[in-house]
Amino acid sequence: MAIGINLSRRSVLAGSTLALAGLAAASASATDAPSHAHQKTTGKLWKTVMDTPSARWSPAKLADMEAQLYPMATTSMMVVRNGEIVYKYGNLSDVSYLASARKSVLSMLFGKYVAEGKIDLDMSIGEIGIEEDDGLLPIEKTAKVKDLLTSSSGVYHAAGSPGGNDNTPERGKTEPGSVFLYNNWDFNVLGAIFEKRTGKSIFQALQEDLAEPLGFEDFDFSRQRMMGYENQSRYLAYHLFLSARDMARLGQLMLQGGKWEGKVIVPETWIAESIKVRFTPEQTKSKEGLGYGYLWWIPTSSAPAFKGAYLMNGNFGQFVLCLPAIDTVIVHRRAVTDEFAIARNLGKTTYEPAKVTAGEFLKIADAVVAAST
């Protein structure tokens, strides 16, 4: 069992087992984060509960959970309860690619600037000056910032990054805000809007507004990258690389209503708006029963522990599940190498590593809840 200690059995996987020789590490479309005054942060260590009292876990049910976890492609997992680490698995300090879990982090960054009035959710992308080299249609330019936050802009221009929807409708036929379609064009443009309206880069805001005040232990500014297909869109993806324990801090911040050590980091009103179900599981067509808010996935399980839950959800197995009903954050990582992440986002590889799906992770989360006493 792995309460309060690291499991060495999986430690060899900490940096991912994907050594892909010959993949390009950089190009004009994979841009390293610009030079910045503070490249790394040095944070406070998490408090870890080491005495493993029987009141915290059912040993038999914990063993059941681990029997499910061990065969999976998981490289690290941690559980934080009442602000303390109560379970560790793998290398929590390993920094790796967040994939689409980054989108929930972007939502967190938006909160401060929406509250300050720098970002108006009712502004249209046309008013903001969003355009493509081959043009956007008049109806597409009426899409509002809040429509992009819910992946319902109705702008079906090719995205500057992989992971698009194979069932994209014809352009110009969908009223903005009316139909959910998971669309990387929306997410990439949100990054551009953030930078245009705040005067800060996404990566600068990540460091100054989250990493430093939360005391990230492993944040490296130079690891963050903008990547994508420049021949398809002006707007590329802002990709983040964080450790499991720093992702846990983000989840804990959300549970604490956006406050950290008495300071408001993300306005509580924004958190409440972000995690409202704005599109139901029927509308998102989620097999796992997930609705969608402002860049957060919303589990709709009727289980008491899942009341008010919300989820970061990234490809290959990057998850942060917040369970406010039981004051718990569950972080799950399936690390892939930077070289693979870069190659994938430049369209230079079709290799697909073993992954942990959202459905598989949610079964593990159910087992964690069942093992908690």
Protein backbone atom coordinates (compact mmCIF):
# COMPACT_ATOMS: atom_id res chain seq x y z
CA MET A 1 0.00 0.00 0.00
CA ALA A 2 1.06 3.55 -0.61
CA ILE A 3 -0.27 5.84 2.06
CA GLY A 4 2.16 8.65 2.81
CA ILE A 5 5.01 7.06 0.84
CA ASN A 6 6.03 6.81 -2.81
CA LEU A 7 5.70 3.49 -4.60
CA SER A 8 9.05 2.61 -6.14
CA ARG A 9 7.46 -0.05 -8.39
CA ARG A 10 6.36 2.63 -10.82
CA SER A 11 9.19 5.12 -10.33
CA VAL A 12 10.92 3.98 -13.50
CA LEU A 13 7.93 5.33 -15.42
CA ALA A 14 8.16 8.80 -13.93
CA GLY A 15 9.49 10.50 -17.03
CA SER A 16 7.39 8.30 -19.36
CA THR A 17 8.54 5.23 -21.20
CA LEU A 18 8.23 6.90 -24.57
CA ALA A 19 11.72 7.40 -25.98
CA LEU A 20 11.00 8.38 -29.58
CA ALA A 21 14.29 8.79 -31.41
CA GLY A 22 14.56 11.33 -34.16
CA LEU A 23 11.51 13.44 -33.30
CA ALA A 24 12.05 17.15 -33.70
CA ALA A 25 12.40 18.96 -30.38
CA ALA A 26 11.68 22.42 -31.73
CA SER A 27 10.58 24.28 -34.85
CA ALA A 28 9.13 27.59 -35.88
CA SER A 29 5.72 26.26 -34.84
CA ALA A 30 6.87 24.95 -31.46
CA THR A 31 7.90 28.07 -29.65
CA ASP A 32 9.75 27.91 -26.36
CA ALA A 33 8.41 30.20 -23.66
CA PRO A 34 10.19 33.56 -23.93
CA SER A 35 12.92 34.60 -21.55
CA HIS A 36 11.55 35.61 -18.18
CA ALA A 37 13.00 37.04 -15.02
CA HIS A 38 12.14 34.00 -12.90
CA GLN A 39 12.59 30.68 -14.63
CA LYS A 40 11.65 28.45 -11.70
CA THR A 41 9.68 28.69 -8.50
CA THR A 42 10.61 27.19 -5.16
CA GLY A 43 7.51 26.31 -3.19
CA LYS A 44 6.61 24.98 0.21
CA LEU A 45 6.42 21.23 0.66
CA TRP A 46 2.99 19.66 0.99
CA LYS A 47 2.11 18.30 4.39
CA THR A 48 1.89 14.50 4.14
CA VAL A 49 -0.01 12.32 6.60
CA MET A 50 2.44 9.56 7.49
CA ASP A 51 0.80 7.68 10.35
CA THR A 52 -1.85 6.01 8.14
CA PRO A 53 -4.52 5.73 10.83
CA SER A 54 -7.21 3.17 10.12
CA ALA A 55 -9.79 5.97 10.25
CA ARG A 56 -8.46 7.30 6.93
CA TRP A 57 -8.68 4.20 4.72
CA SER A 58 -10.29 0.81 4.56
CA PRO A 59 -7.27 -1.46 3.96
CA ALA A 60 -9.31 -4.01 2.01
CA LYS A 61 -10.92 -1.41 -0.24
CA LEU A 62 -7.62 0.40 -0.72
CA ALA A 63 -6.16 -2.90 -1.92
CA ASP A 64 -9.07 -3.20 -4.35
CA MET A 65 -8.31 0.27 -5.71
CA GLU A 66 -4.63 -0.52 -6.14
CA ALA A 67 -5.48 -3.77 -7.92
CA GLN A 68 -7.24 -1.63 -10.52
CA LEU A 69 -4.51 1.03 -10.62
CA TYR A 70 -1.36 -1.05 -10.97
CA PRO A 71 -2.04 -2.58 -14.42
CA MET A 72 -2.87 0.82 -15.93
CA ALA A 73 -0.48 3.15 -17.78
CA THR A 74 -0.52 5.54 -14.81
CA THR A 75 2.83 7.15 -13.98
CA SER A 76 1.74 9.03 -10.86
CA MET A 77 -1.30 9.65 -8.71
CA MET A 78 -1.97 11.50 -5.50
CA VAL A 79 -4.92 12.15 -3.22
CA VAL A 80 -5.20 15.31 -1.14
CA ARG A 81 -7.78 15.36 1.65
CA ASN A 82 -8.38 18.37 3.90
CA GLY A 83 -5.28 19.97 2.36
CA GLU A 84 -2.97 17.05 3.22
CA ILE A 85 -1.49 14.38 0.99
CA VAL A 86 -2.98 11.06 2.07
CA TYR A 87 -1.91 8.92 -0.88
CA LYS A 88 1.13 8.95 -3.18
CA TYR A 89 1.97 6.81 -6.18
CA GLY A 90 4.87 7.33 -8.58
CA ASN A 91 6.96 10.46 -9.01
CA LEU A 92 4.86 13.49 -8.05
CA SER A 93 7.62 15.95 -8.99
CA ASP A 94 7.91 14.81 -12.61
CA VAL A 95 7.01 17.71 -14.92
CA SER A 96 5.14 16.66 -18.05
CA TYR A 97 2.61 17.63 -20.70
CA LEU A 98 -0.92 18.50 -19.54
CA ALA A 99 -2.62 18.05 -22.92
CA SER A 100 -6.18 19.41 -22.68
CA ALA A 101 -6.10 19.65 -18.88
CA ARG A 102 -4.45 23.00 -19.68
CA LYS A 103 -7.85 24.39 -20.65
CA SER A 104 -9.16 24.35 -17.09
CA VAL A 105 -5.99 26.17 -15.99
CA LEU A 106 -6.73 28.80 -18.64
CA SER A 107 -10.21 29.18 -17.14
CA MET A 108 -8.62 29.85 -13.75
CA LEU A 109 -6.39 32.53 -15.28
CA PHE A 110 -9.40 34.26 -16.83
CA GLY A 111 -11.13 34.83 -13.48
CA LYS A 112 -9.03 37.72 -12.18
CA TYR A 113 -9.22 39.65 -15.42
CA VAL A 114 -12.94 39.13 -15.90
CA ALA A 115 -13.45 40.51 -12.39
CA GLU A 116 -11.22 43.50 -13.22
CA GLY A 117 -13.20 44.21 -16.39
CA LYS A 118 -10.28 43.62 -18.72
CA ILE A 119 -12.05 40.67 -20.31
CA ASP A 120 -15.73 41.08 -21.17
CA LEU A 121 -17.44 37.75 -21.72
CA ASP A 122 -20.09 39.41 -23.89
CA MET A 123 -17.63 40.90 -26.36
CA SER A 124 -17.70 39.30 -29.78
CA ILE A 125 -14.57 37.97 -31.41
CA GLY A 126 -15.18 40.43 -34.23
CA GLU A 127 -15.05 43.34 -31.78
CA ILE A 128 -11.82 41.97 -30.31
CA GLY A 129 -10.20 41.70 -33.74
CA ILE A 130 -10.00 37.94 -34.16
CA GLU A 131 -9.46 37.03 -37.81
CA GLU A 132 -7.97 34.30 -39.96
CA ASP A 133 -5.84 34.65 -43.08
CA ASP A 134 -8.60 33.08 -45.18
CA GLY A 135 -11.28 35.02 -43.32
CA LEU A 136 -14.08 34.35 -40.87
CA LEU A 137 -17.74 34.48 -41.84
CA PRO A 138 -19.94 37.33 -40.54
CA ILE A 139 -21.96 34.97 -38.32
CA GLU A 140 -18.74 33.50 -36.92
CA LYS A 141 -17.52 36.95 -35.89
CA THR A 142 -20.59 37.36 -33.67
CA ALA A 143 -19.42 34.55 -31.35
CA LYS A 144 -18.81 35.88 -27.84
CA VAL A 145 -15.99 35.13 -25.44
CA LYS A 146 -18.40 33.14 -23.27
CA ASP A 147 -19.26 30.98 -26.29
CA LEU A 148 -15.60 30.07 -26.71
CA LEU A 149 -15.37 29.25 -22.99
CA THR A 150 -18.11 26.66 -23.49
CA SER A 151 -16.75 25.36 -26.82
CA SER A 152 -19.89 26.52 -28.58
CA SER A 153 -18.64 29.35 -30.80
CA GLY A 154 -19.98 27.81 -34.00
CA VAL A 155 -16.68 28.75 -35.65
CA TYR A 156 -15.60 25.61 -37.47
CA HIS A 157 -12.44 26.95 -39.04
CA ALA A 158 -9.55 24.46 -38.97
CA ALA A 159 -7.72 24.61 -35.64
CA GLY A 160 -3.99 25.15 -35.34
CA SER A 161 -3.56 21.99 -33.26
CA PRO A 162 -4.52 18.30 -33.34
CA GLY A 163 -7.49 16.79 -31.58
CA GLY A 164 -10.32 18.15 -33.70
CA ASN A 165 -13.79 16.71 -34.07
CA ASP A 166 -14.39 14.44 -37.06
CA ASN A 167 -18.04 15.50 -37.26
CA THR A 168 -17.54 19.23 -37.74
CA PRO A 169 -20.62 20.84 -39.33
CA GLU A 170 -20.55 23.09 -42.35
CA ARG A 171 -19.29 26.56 -41.53
CA GLY A 172 -21.79 29.38 -41.14
CA LYS A 173 -24.76 27.16 -40.29
CA THR A 174 -24.61 27.18 -36.47
CA GLU A 175 -25.74 30.02 -34.23
CA PRO A 176 -22.92 30.88 -31.78
CA GLY A 177 -23.62 29.62 -28.27
CA SER A 178 -26.23 27.08 -29.32
CA VAL A 179 -24.31 23.84 -29.94
CA PHE A 180 -21.45 22.24 -28.00
CA LEU A 181 -18.66 20.88 -30.20
CA TYR A 182 -15.28 20.22 -28.63
CA ASN A 183 -13.22 22.57 -30.75
CA ASN A 184 -9.56 23.44 -30.35
CA TRP A 185 -10.03 26.57 -32.44
CA ASP A 186 -12.11 28.02 -29.60
CA PHE A 187 -9.55 27.12 -26.95
CA ASN A 188 -6.58 28.45 -28.91
CA VAL A 189 -8.34 31.73 -29.66
CA LEU A 190 -9.16 32.15 -25.97
CA GLY A 191 -5.42 32.23 -25.30
CA ALA A 192 -4.97 34.96 -27.89
CA ILE A 193 -7.90 36.94 -26.44
CA PHE A 194 -6.42 36.64 -22.95
CA GLU A 195 -3.09 38.04 -24.10
CA LYS A 196 -4.68 40.80 -26.18
CA ARG A 197 -6.96 42.00 -23.37
CA THR A 198 -4.56 41.65 -20.42
CA GLY A 199 -1.22 42.54 -21.98
CA LYS A 200 0.26 39.40 -20.40
CA SER A 201 1.37 36.20 -22.05
CA ILE A 202 -0.38 33.04 -20.91
CA PHE A 203 2.89 31.74 -19.53
CA GLN A 204 3.69 34.97 -17.67
CA ALA A 205 0.22 34.92 -16.10
CA LEU A 206 0.61 31.26 -15.18
CA GLN A 207 3.79 32.07 -13.29
CA GLU A 208 2.75 35.35 -11.69
CA ASP A 209 -0.92 34.62 -10.98
CA LEU A 210 -0.76 30.93 -10.01
CA ALA A 211 2.70 29.34 -9.71
CA GLU A 212 4.26 31.97 -7.46
CA PRO A 213 1.37 32.69 -5.07
CA LEU A 214 0.56 28.96 -4.71
CA GLY A 215 4.21 28.04 -4.17
CA PHE A 216 4.57 25.55 -7.00
CA GLU A 217 7.48 23.24 -6.23
CA ASP A 218 8.42 22.24 -9.77
CA PHE A 219 7.35 25.04 -12.11
CA ASP A 220 9.77 25.77 -14.94
CA PHE A 221 8.81 28.73 -17.13
CA SER A 222 11.12 27.60 -19.92
CA ARG A 223 9.21 24.32 -20.35
CA GLN A 224 5.96 26.01 -21.41
CA ARG A 225 5.40 26.10 -25.18
CA MET A 226 3.14 27.46 -27.89
CA MET A 227 2.71 24.77 -30.54
CA GLY A 228 0.62 23.94 -33.55
CA TYR A 229 -0.06 24.06 -37.26
CA GLU A 230 0.77 27.54 -38.55
CA ASN A 231 -0.47 26.62 -42.03
CA GLN A 232 -4.00 26.01 -40.71
CA SER A 233 -4.68 28.89 -38.32
CA ARG A 234 -3.18 32.03 -36.86
CA TYR A 235 -4.00 30.71 -33.40
CA LEU A 236 -1.83 28.00 -31.90
CA ALA A 237 -2.17 26.14 -28.60
CA TYR A 238 -0.61 27.30 -25.34
CA HIS A 239 0.72 24.05 -23.92
CA LEU A 240 1.55 23.66 -20.24
CA PHE A 241 3.98 21.30 -18.51
CA LEU A 242 3.44 20.81 -14.77
CA SER A 243 4.01 18.22 -12.06
CA ALA A 244 1.30 16.22 -10.29
CA ARG A 245 1.88 17.98 -6.97
CA ASP A 246 1.62 21.42 -8.58
CA MET A 247 -1.57 20.39 -10.37
CA ALA A 248 -2.88 19.32 -6.97
CA ARG A 249 -2.32 22.86 -5.72
CA LEU A 250 -4.57 24.13 -8.50
CA GLY A 251 -7.28 21.69 -7.45
CA GLN A 252 -6.88 22.65 -3.81
CA LEU A 253 -7.14 26.34 -4.71
CA MET A 254 -10.45 25.65 -6.42
CA LEU A 255 -11.74 23.76 -3.35
CA GLN A 256 -10.74 26.73 -1.18
CA GLY A 257 -12.90 29.10 -3.19
CA GLY A 258 -9.90 30.66 -4.92
CA LYS A 259 -8.09 31.71 -1.73
CA TRP A 260 -4.55 30.72 -0.76
CA GLU A 261 -3.08 31.71 2.60
CA GLY A 262 -5.77 34.36 2.99
CA LYS A 263 -5.25 35.95 -0.43
CA VAL A 264 -7.76 35.84 -3.28
CA ILE A 265 -6.05 34.23 -6.27
CA VAL A 266 -9.14 33.37 -8.32
CA PRO A 267 -12.42 35.16 -7.50
CA GLU A 268 -14.92 32.81 -5.87
CA THR A 269 -17.67 34.16 -8.10
CA TRP A 270 -15.66 33.12 -11.16
CA ILE A 271 -15.15 29.62 -9.79
CA ALA A 272 -18.90 29.30 -9.25
CA GLU A 273 -19.58 30.44 -12.81
CA SER A 274 -16.89 28.17 -14.24
CA ILE A 275 -18.24 24.95 -12.78
CA LYS A 276 -21.90 25.44 -13.65
CA VAL A 277 -23.21 22.86 -16.12
CA ARG A 278 -23.74 24.91 -19.27
CA PHE A 279 -24.01 21.92 -21.59
CA THR A 280 -25.40 18.62 -20.32
CA PRO A 281 -23.86 15.19 -20.93
CA GLU A 282 -26.51 14.64 -23.60
CA GLN A 283 -25.34 17.80 -25.37
CA THR A 284 -21.62 17.02 -24.97
CA LYS A 285 -22.24 13.39 -26.00
CA SER A 286 -19.97 12.31 -23.15
CA LYS A 287 -19.83 8.56 -22.60
CA GLU A 288 -18.72 9.25 -19.02
CA GLY A 289 -21.72 11.46 -18.20
CA LEU A 290 -19.71 14.70 -18.18
CA GLY A 291 -21.30 18.08 -18.67
CA TYR A 292 -19.31 21.21 -19.54
CA GLY A 293 -18.84 24.59 -17.89
CA TYR A 294 -16.25 27.27 -18.63
CA LEU A 295 -13.41 24.94 -19.73
CA TRP A 296 -14.17 22.47 -16.92
CA TRP A 297 -15.80 19.07 -17.32
CA ILE A 298 -18.58 18.46 -14.80
CA PRO A 299 -19.32 14.91 -13.57
CA THR A 300 -23.03 14.36 -13.08
CA SER A 301 -22.82 11.22 -10.93
CA SER A 302 -25.52 10.99 -8.27
CA ALA A 303 -23.04 9.61 -5.71
CA PRO A 304 -22.92 11.90 -2.64
CA ALA A 305 -19.13 12.31 -2.85
CA PHE A 306 -19.49 13.68 -6.40
CA LYS A 307 -21.92 16.45 -5.49
CA GLY A 308 -20.49 19.65 -6.96
CA ALA A 309 -17.53 17.82 -8.56
CA TYR A 310 -15.51 19.18 -11.48
CA LEU A 311 -12.67 17.80 -13.58
CA MET A 312 -9.58 18.75 -15.58
CA ASN A 313 -9.41 16.26 -18.42
CA GLY A 314 -6.39 15.78 -20.71
CA ASN A 315 -5.41 13.21 -23.31
CA PHE A 316 -3.37 10.14 -22.36
CA GLY A 317 -4.46 10.35 -18.70
CA GLN A 318 -4.04 13.86 -17.26
CA PHE A 319 -6.77 14.45 -14.67
CA VAL A 320 -7.50 16.61 -11.65
CA LEU A 321 -10.79 15.73 -9.97
CA CYS A 322 -12.10 18.10 -7.31
CA LEU A 323 -14.63 16.66 -4.86
CA PRO A 324 -15.79 19.53 -2.63
CA ALA A 325 -18.34 17.33 -0.84
CA ILE A 326 -15.48 15.39 0.79
CA ASP A 327 -12.75 18.07 0.55
CA THR A 328 -10.66 15.88 -1.73
CA VAL A 329 -8.50 16.37 -4.82
CA ILE A 330 -7.40 13.38 -6.91
CA VAL A 331 -4.59 13.94 -9.41
CA HIS A 332 -3.71 11.35 -12.04
CA ARG A 333 -0.87 11.54 -14.57
CA ARG A 334 0.21 9.46 -17.49
CA ALA A 335 3.43 11.25 -18.40
CA VAL A 336 4.66 11.46 -21.98
CA THR A 337 7.98 12.90 -23.06
CA ASP A 338 8.31 16.48 -24.23
CA GLU A 339 9.70 15.13 -27.53
CA PHE A 340 6.53 13.15 -28.15
CA ALA A 341 4.27 16.04 -27.13
CA ILE A 342 6.08 18.41 -29.49
CA ALA A 343 6.08 15.96 -32.39
CA ARG A 344 2.38 15.26 -31.94
CA ASN A 345 1.48 18.94 -31.90
CA LEU A 346 3.50 19.53 -35.07
CA GLY A 347 1.91 16.59 -36.88
CA LYS A 348 5.24 14.75 -37.02
CA THR A 349 4.12 11.47 -35.46
CA THR A 350 1.08 9.23 -35.61
CA TYR A 351 2.28 7.13 -32.67
CA GLU A 352 -0.31 6.70 -29.93
CA PRO A 353 1.04 5.68 -26.50
CA ALA A 354 -0.92 3.67 -24.00
CA LYS A 355 -3.36 5.93 -22.20
CA VAL A 356 -5.77 6.07 -19.31
CA THR A 357 -9.23 7.17 -20.41
CA ALA A 358 -11.58 9.41 -18.46
CA GLY A 359 -13.84 6.43 -17.84
CA GLU A 360 -10.97 4.38 -16.42
CA PHE A 361 -9.86 7.25 -14.22
CA LEU A 362 -13.37 7.82 -12.87
CA LYS A 363 -13.54 4.14 -11.87
CA ILE A 364 -10.31 4.64 -9.93
CA ALA A 365 -11.81 7.76 -8.35
CA ASP A 366 -14.87 5.76 -7.31
CA ALA A 367 -12.54 3.20 -5.72
CA VAL A 368 -10.65 5.95 -3.88
CA VAL A 369 -13.92 7.29 -2.49
CA ALA A 370 -15.02 3.79 -1.47
CA ALA A 371 -11.70 3.23 0.33
CA SER A 372 -11.97 6.50 2.26
CA THR A 373 -13.55 6.15 5.67
